[in-house]
PDB file of all heavy atoms in Angstrom:
ATOM      1  N   THR A   1     -10.692   1.227 -13.840  1.00  0.00           N
ATOM      2  CA  THR A   1     -11.059   2.554 -14.318  1.00  0.00           C
ATOM      3  C   THR A   1     -11.939   3.200 -13.281  1.00  0.00           C
ATOM      4  O   THR A   1     -12.404   2.573 -12.326  1.00  0.00           O
ATOM      5  CB  THR A   1     -11.820   2.465 -15.648  1.00  0.00           C
ATOM      6  OG1 THR A   1     -13.080   1.819 -15.397  1.00  0.00           O
ATOM      7  CG2 THR A   1     -11.042   1.649 -16.686  1.00  0.00           C
ATOM      8  N   SER A   2     -12.222   4.502 -13.457  1.00  0.00           N
ATOM      9  CA  SER A   2     -13.067   5.200 -12.489  1.00  0.00           C
ATOM     10  C   SER A   2     -14.468   4.641 -12.473  1.00  0.00           C
ATOM     11  O   SER A   2     -15.193   4.761 -11.502  1.00  0.00           O
ATOM     12  CB  SER A   2     -13.092   6.703 -12.838  1.00  0.00           C
ATOM     13  OG  SER A   2     -13.551   6.878 -14.165  1.00  0.00           O
ATOM     14  N   ALA A   3     -14.875   3.973 -13.549  1.00  0.00           N
ATOM     15  CA  ALA A   3     -16.227   3.434 -13.599  1.00  0.00           C
ATOM     16  C   ALA A   3     -16.368   2.134 -12.827  1.00  0.00           C
ATOM     17  O   ALA A   3     -17.429   1.824 -12.305  1.00  0.00           O
ATOM     18  CB  ALA A   3     -16.635   3.217 -15.060  1.00  0.00           C
ATOM     19  N   ASP A   4     -15.307   1.317 -12.741  1.00  0.00           N
ATOM     20  CA  ASP A   4     -15.460   0.026 -12.090  1.00  0.00           C
ATOM     21  C   ASP A   4     -14.649  -0.098 -10.806  1.00  0.00           C
ATOM     22  O   ASP A   4     -14.644  -1.154 -10.189  1.00  0.00           O
ATOM     23  CB  ASP A   4     -15.112  -1.104 -13.057  1.00  0.00           C
ATOM     24  CG  ASP A   4     -13.681  -1.028 -13.558  1.00  0.00           C
ATOM     25  OD1 ASP A   4     -12.832  -0.372 -12.935  1.00  0.00           O
ATOM     26  OD2 ASP A   4     -13.444  -1.659 -14.597  1.00  0.00           O
ATOM     27  N   SER A   5     -13.908   0.936 -10.404  1.00  0.00           N
ATOM     28  CA  SER A   5     -13.177   0.891  -9.142  1.00  0.00           C
ATOM     29  C   SER A   5     -14.020   1.578  -8.077  1.00  0.00           C
ATOM     30  O   SER A   5     -14.104   2.790  -8.023  1.00  0.00           O
ATOM     31  CB  SER A   5     -11.825   1.612  -9.280  1.00  0.00           C
ATOM     32  OG  SER A   5     -11.024   0.977 -10.241  1.00  0.00           O
ATOM     33  N   THR A   6     -14.670   0.805  -7.249  1.00  0.00           N
ATOM     34  CA  THR A   6     -15.558   1.380  -6.235  1.00  0.00           C
ATOM     35  C   THR A   6     -15.242   0.796  -4.881  1.00  0.00           C
ATOM     36  O   THR A   6     -14.820  -0.336  -4.745  1.00  0.00           O
ATOM     37  CB  THR A   6     -17.028   1.081  -6.577  1.00  0.00           C
ATOM     38  OG1 THR A   6     -17.189  -0.328  -6.635  1.00  0.00           O
ATOM     39  CG2 THR A   6     -17.434   1.704  -7.900  1.00  0.00           C
ATOM     40  N   THR A   7     -15.416   1.605  -3.869  1.00  0.00           N
ATOM     41  CA  THR A   7     -15.302   1.177  -2.479  1.00  0.00           C
ATOM     42  C   THR A   7     -16.472   1.785  -1.719  1.00  0.00           C
ATOM     43  O   THR A   7     -16.580   2.994  -1.620  1.00  0.00           O
ATOM     44  CB  THR A   7     -13.976   1.658  -1.864  1.00  0.00           C
ATOM     45  OG1 THR A   7     -12.900   1.164  -2.662  1.00  0.00           O
ATOM     46  CG2 THR A   7     -13.830   1.179  -0.448  1.00  0.00           C
ATOM     47  N   SER A   8     -17.338   0.873  -1.200  1.00  0.00           N
ATOM     48  CA  SER A   8     -18.527   1.315  -0.458  1.00  0.00           C
ATOM     49  C   SER A   8     -19.343   2.291  -1.271  1.00  0.00           C
ATOM     50  O   SER A   8     -19.845   3.293  -0.768  1.00  0.00           O
ATOM     51  CB  SER A   8     -18.120   1.973   0.874  1.00  0.00           C
ATOM     52  OG  SER A   8     -17.373   1.072   1.666  1.00  0.00           O
ATOM     53  N   GLY A   9     -19.445   2.027  -2.578  1.00  0.00           N
ATOM     54  CA  GLY A   9     -20.286   2.846  -3.434  1.00  0.00           C
ATOM     55  C   GLY A   9     -19.653   4.140  -3.851  1.00  0.00           C
ATOM     56  O   GLY A   9     -20.277   4.912  -4.550  1.00  0.00           O
ATOM     57  N   THR A  10     -18.409   4.417  -3.450  1.00  0.00           N
ATOM     58  CA  THR A  10     -17.760   5.674  -3.800  1.00  0.00           C
ATOM     59  C   THR A  10     -16.698   5.425  -4.846  1.00  0.00           C
ATOM     60  O   THR A  10     -15.849   4.551  -4.685  1.00  0.00           O
ATOM     61  CB  THR A  10     -17.109   6.319  -2.556  1.00  0.00           C
ATOM     62  OG1 THR A  10     -18.104   6.470  -1.573  1.00  0.00           O
ATOM     63  CG2 THR A  10     -16.485   7.655  -2.927  1.00  0.00           C
ATOM     64  N   SER A  11     -16.756   6.158  -5.931  1.00  0.00           N
ATOM     65  CA  SER A  11     -15.786   5.972  -6.996  1.00  0.00           C
ATOM     66  C   SER A  11     -14.408   6.428  -6.545  1.00  0.00           C
ATOM     67  O   SER A  11     -14.273   7.459  -5.885  1.00  0.00           O
ATOM     68  CB  SER A  11     -16.200   6.765  -8.242  1.00  0.00           C
ATOM     69  OG  SER A  11     -17.413   6.274  -8.752  1.00  0.00           O
ATOM     70  N   SER A  12     -13.395   5.618  -6.902  1.00  0.00           N
ATOM     71  CA  SER A  12     -12.013   5.993  -6.640  1.00  0.00           C
ATOM     72  C   SER A  12     -11.418   6.561  -7.915  1.00  0.00           C
ATOM     73  O   SER A  12     -11.730   6.102  -9.013  1.00  0.00           O
ATOM     74  CB  SER A  12     -11.190   4.783  -6.200  1.00  0.00           C
ATOM     75  OG  SER A  12     -11.721   4.247  -5.009  1.00  0.00           O
ATOM     76  N   PRO A  13     -10.541   7.542  -7.796  1.00  0.00           N
ATOM     77  CA  PRO A  13      -9.939   8.096  -9.012  1.00  0.00           C
ATOM     78  C   PRO A  13      -9.043   7.062  -9.680  1.00  0.00           C
ATOM     79  O   PRO A  13      -8.422   6.231  -9.020  1.00  0.00           O
ATOM     80  CB  PRO A  13      -9.121   9.279  -8.485  1.00  0.00           C
ATOM     81  CG  PRO A  13      -8.840   8.944  -7.055  1.00  0.00           C
ATOM     82  CD  PRO A  13     -10.052   8.202  -6.577  1.00  0.00           C
ATOM     83  N   ALA A  14      -9.015   7.087 -11.004  1.00  0.00           N
ATOM     84  CA  ALA A  14      -8.143   6.174 -11.742  1.00  0.00           C
ATOM     85  C   ALA A  14      -6.693   6.552 -11.503  1.00  0.00           C
ATOM     86  O   ALA A  14      -6.374   7.726 -11.317  1.00  0.00           O
ATOM     87  CB  ALA A  14      -8.454   6.258 -13.238  1.00  0.00           C
ATOM     88  N   PRO A  15      -5.808   5.573 -11.453  1.00  0.00           N
ATOM     89  CA  PRO A  15      -4.393   5.902 -11.309  1.00  0.00           C
ATOM     90  C   PRO A  15      -3.913   6.700 -12.517  1.00  0.00           C
ATOM     91  O   PRO A  15      -4.452   6.576 -13.616  1.00  0.00           O
ATOM     92  CB  PRO A  15      -3.720   4.535 -11.230  1.00  0.00           C
ATOM     93  CG  PRO A  15      -4.674   3.585 -11.868  1.00  0.00           C
ATOM     94  CD  PRO A  15      -6.042   4.128 -11.574  1.00  0.00           C
ATOM     95  N   PRO A  16      -2.918   7.539 -12.340  1.00  0.00           N
ATOM     96  CA  PRO A  16      -2.468   8.380 -13.445  1.00  0.00           C
ATOM     97  C   PRO A  16      -1.813   7.555 -14.547  1.00  0.00           C
ATOM     98  O   PRO A  16      -1.267   6.474 -14.309  1.00  0.00           O
ATOM     99  CB  PRO A  16      -1.447   9.312 -12.781  1.00  0.00           C
ATOM    100  CG  PRO A  16      -0.958   8.538 -11.601  1.00  0.00           C
ATOM    101  CD  PRO A  16      -2.149   7.754 -11.117  1.00  0.00           C
ATOM    102  N   VAL A  17      -1.881   8.066 -15.755  1.00  0.00           N
ATOM    103  CA  VAL A  17      -1.225   7.448 -16.899  1.00  0.00           C
ATOM    104  C   VAL A  17       0.124   8.129 -17.074  1.00  0.00           C
ATOM    105  O   VAL A  17       0.199   9.338 -17.283  1.00  0.00           O
ATOM    106  CB  VAL A  17      -2.079   7.598 -18.171  1.00  0.00           C
ATOM    107  CG1 VAL A  17      -1.328   7.053 -19.378  1.00  0.00           C
ATOM    108  CG2 VAL A  17      -3.406   6.892 -17.998  1.00  0.00           C
ATOM    109  N   ASP A  18       1.198   7.365 -16.967  1.00  0.00           N
ATOM    110  CA  ASP A  18       2.549   7.908 -17.095  1.00  0.00           C
ATOM    111  C   ASP A  18       3.073   7.577 -18.480  1.00  0.00           C
ATOM    112  O   ASP A  18       3.716   6.556 -18.695  1.00  0.00           O
ATOM    113  CB  ASP A  18       3.460   7.330 -16.012  1.00  0.00           C
ATOM    114  CG  ASP A  18       4.871   7.908 -16.074  1.00  0.00           C
ATOM    115  OD1 ASP A  18       5.085   8.834 -16.882  1.00  0.00           O
ATOM    116  OD2 ASP A  18       5.742   7.431 -15.329  1.00  0.00           O
ATOM    117  N   SER A  19       2.801   8.451 -19.457  1.00  0.00           N
ATOM    118  CA  SER A  19       3.213   8.176 -20.831  1.00  0.00           C
ATOM    119  C   SER A  19       4.724   8.236 -20.989  1.00  0.00           C
ATOM    120  O   SER A  19       5.299   7.554 -21.842  1.00  0.00           O
ATOM    121  CB  SER A  19       2.546   9.162 -21.795  1.00  0.00           C
ATOM    122  OG  SER A  19       2.920  10.494 -21.481  1.00  0.00           O
ATOM    123  N   THR A  20       5.404   9.039 -20.171  1.00  0.00           N
ATOM    124  CA  THR A  20       6.856   9.172 -20.328  1.00  0.00           C
ATOM    125  C   THR A  20       7.576   7.861 -20.033  1.00  0.00           C
ATOM    126  O   THR A  20       8.660   7.608 -20.567  1.00  0.00           O
ATOM    127  CB  THR A  20       7.405  10.269 -19.412  1.00  0.00           C
ATOM    128  OG1 THR A  20       7.116   9.931 -18.049  1.00  0.00           O
ATOM    129  CG2 THR A  20       6.780  11.612 -19.741  1.00  0.00           C
ATOM    130  N   ALA A  21       6.996   7.024 -19.171  1.00  0.00           N
ATOM    131  CA  ALA A  21       7.647   5.760 -18.829  1.00  0.00           C
ATOM    132  C   ALA A  21       7.716   4.815 -20.022  1.00  0.00           C
ATOM    133  O   ALA A  21       8.596   3.945 -20.079  1.00  0.00           O
ATOM    134  CB  ALA A  21       6.916   5.080 -17.674  1.00  0.00           C
ATOM    135  N   LEU A  22       6.781   4.951 -20.981  1.00  0.00           N
ATOM    136  CA  LEU A  22       6.823   4.135 -22.188  1.00  0.00           C
ATOM    137  C   LEU A  22       7.623   4.801 -23.299  1.00  0.00           C
ATOM    138  O   LEU A  22       8.041   4.139 -24.253  1.00  0.00           O
ATOM    139  CB  LEU A  22       5.402   3.860 -22.694  1.00  0.00           C
ATOM    140  CG  LEU A  22       4.559   2.848 -21.915  1.00  0.00           C
ATOM    141  CD1 LEU A  22       3.219   2.667 -22.596  1.00  0.00           C
ATOM    142  CD2 LEU A  22       5.272   1.510 -21.794  1.00  0.00           C
ATOM    143  N   GLU A  23       7.818   6.120 -23.189  1.00  0.00           N
ATOM    144  CA  GLU A  23       8.500   6.864 -24.259  1.00  0.00           C
ATOM    145  C   GLU A  23      10.002   6.922 -23.996  1.00  0.00           C
ATOM    146  O   GLU A  23      10.618   7.985 -24.028  1.00  0.00           O
ATOM    147  CB  GLU A  23       7.894   8.255 -24.378  1.00  0.00           C
ATOM    148  CG  GLU A  23       6.448   8.228 -24.844  1.00  0.00           C
ATOM    149  CD  GLU A  23       5.756   9.573 -24.751  1.00  0.00           C
ATOM    150  OE1 GLU A  23       6.391  10.532 -24.244  1.00  0.00           O
ATOM    151  OE2 GLU A  23       4.592   9.677 -25.159  1.00  0.00           O
ATOM    152  N   ARG A  24      10.601   5.766 -23.732  1.00  0.00           N
ATOM    153  CA  ARG A  24      12.033   5.689 -23.467  1.00  0.00           C
ATOM    154  C   ARG A  24      12.706   4.640 -24.337  1.00  0.00           C
ATOM    155  O   ARG A  24      13.885   4.362 -24.181  1.00  0.00           O
ATOM    156  CB  ARG A  24      12.256   5.366 -21.986  1.00  0.00           C
ATOM    157  CG  ARG A  24      11.603   4.081 -21.531  1.00  0.00           C
ATOM    158  CD  ARG A  24      11.599   3.911 -20.020  1.00  0.00           C
ATOM    159  NE  ARG A  24      12.919   3.871 -19.436  1.00  0.00           N
ATOM    160  CZ  ARG A  24      13.390   4.788 -18.578  1.00  0.00           C
ATOM    161  NH1 ARG A  24      12.621   5.816 -18.216  1.00  0.00           N
ATOM    162  NH2 ARG A  24      14.592   4.694 -18.076  1.00  0.00           N
ATOM    163  N   VAL A  25      11.930   4.045 -25.252  1.00  0.00           N
ATOM    164  CA  VAL A  25      12.430   2.918 -26.033  1.00  0.00           C
ATOM    165  C   VAL A  25      13.220   3.417 -27.243  1.00  0.00           C
ATOM    166  O   VAL A  25      12.811   4.344 -27.943  1.00  0.00           O
ATOM    167  CB  VAL A  25      11.271   2.018 -26.488  1.00  0.00           C
ATOM    168  CG1 VAL A  25      11.791   0.857 -27.332  1.00  0.00           C
ATOM    169  CG2 VAL A  25      10.504   1.501 -25.282  1.00  0.00           C
ATOM    170  N   VAL A  26      14.355   2.804 -27.491  1.00  0.00           N
ATOM    171  CA  VAL A  26      15.174   3.029 -28.677  1.00  0.00           C
ATOM    172  C   VAL A  26      15.423   1.659 -29.317  1.00  0.00           C
ATOM    173  O   VAL A  26      15.864   0.741 -28.632  1.00  0.00           O
ATOM    174  CB  VAL A  26      16.523   3.689 -28.307  1.00  0.00           C
ATOM    175  CG1 VAL A  26      17.385   3.875 -29.550  1.00  0.00           C
ATOM    176  CG2 VAL A  26      16.318   5.029 -27.601  1.00  0.00           C
ATOM    177  N   PRO A  27      15.144   1.527 -30.625  1.00  0.00           N
ATOM    178  CA  PRO A  27      14.569   2.475 -31.566  1.00  0.00           C
ATOM    179  C   PRO A  27      13.103   2.805 -31.237  1.00  0.00           C
ATOM    180  O   PRO A  27      12.409   2.007 -30.603  1.00  0.00           O
ATOM    181  CB  PRO A  27      14.655   1.753 -32.905  1.00  0.00           C
ATOM    182  CG  PRO A  27      15.663   0.676 -32.731  1.00  0.00           C
ATOM    183  CD  PRO A  27      15.545   0.260 -31.302  1.00  0.00           C
TER     184      PRO A  27
END
């Protein structure tokens, strides 16, 4: 997460959440 991903004391942005990749299941 943005809170625990650090490099040299600088926060890295969290990777994006791709909800569409999970919204493909049938049923």
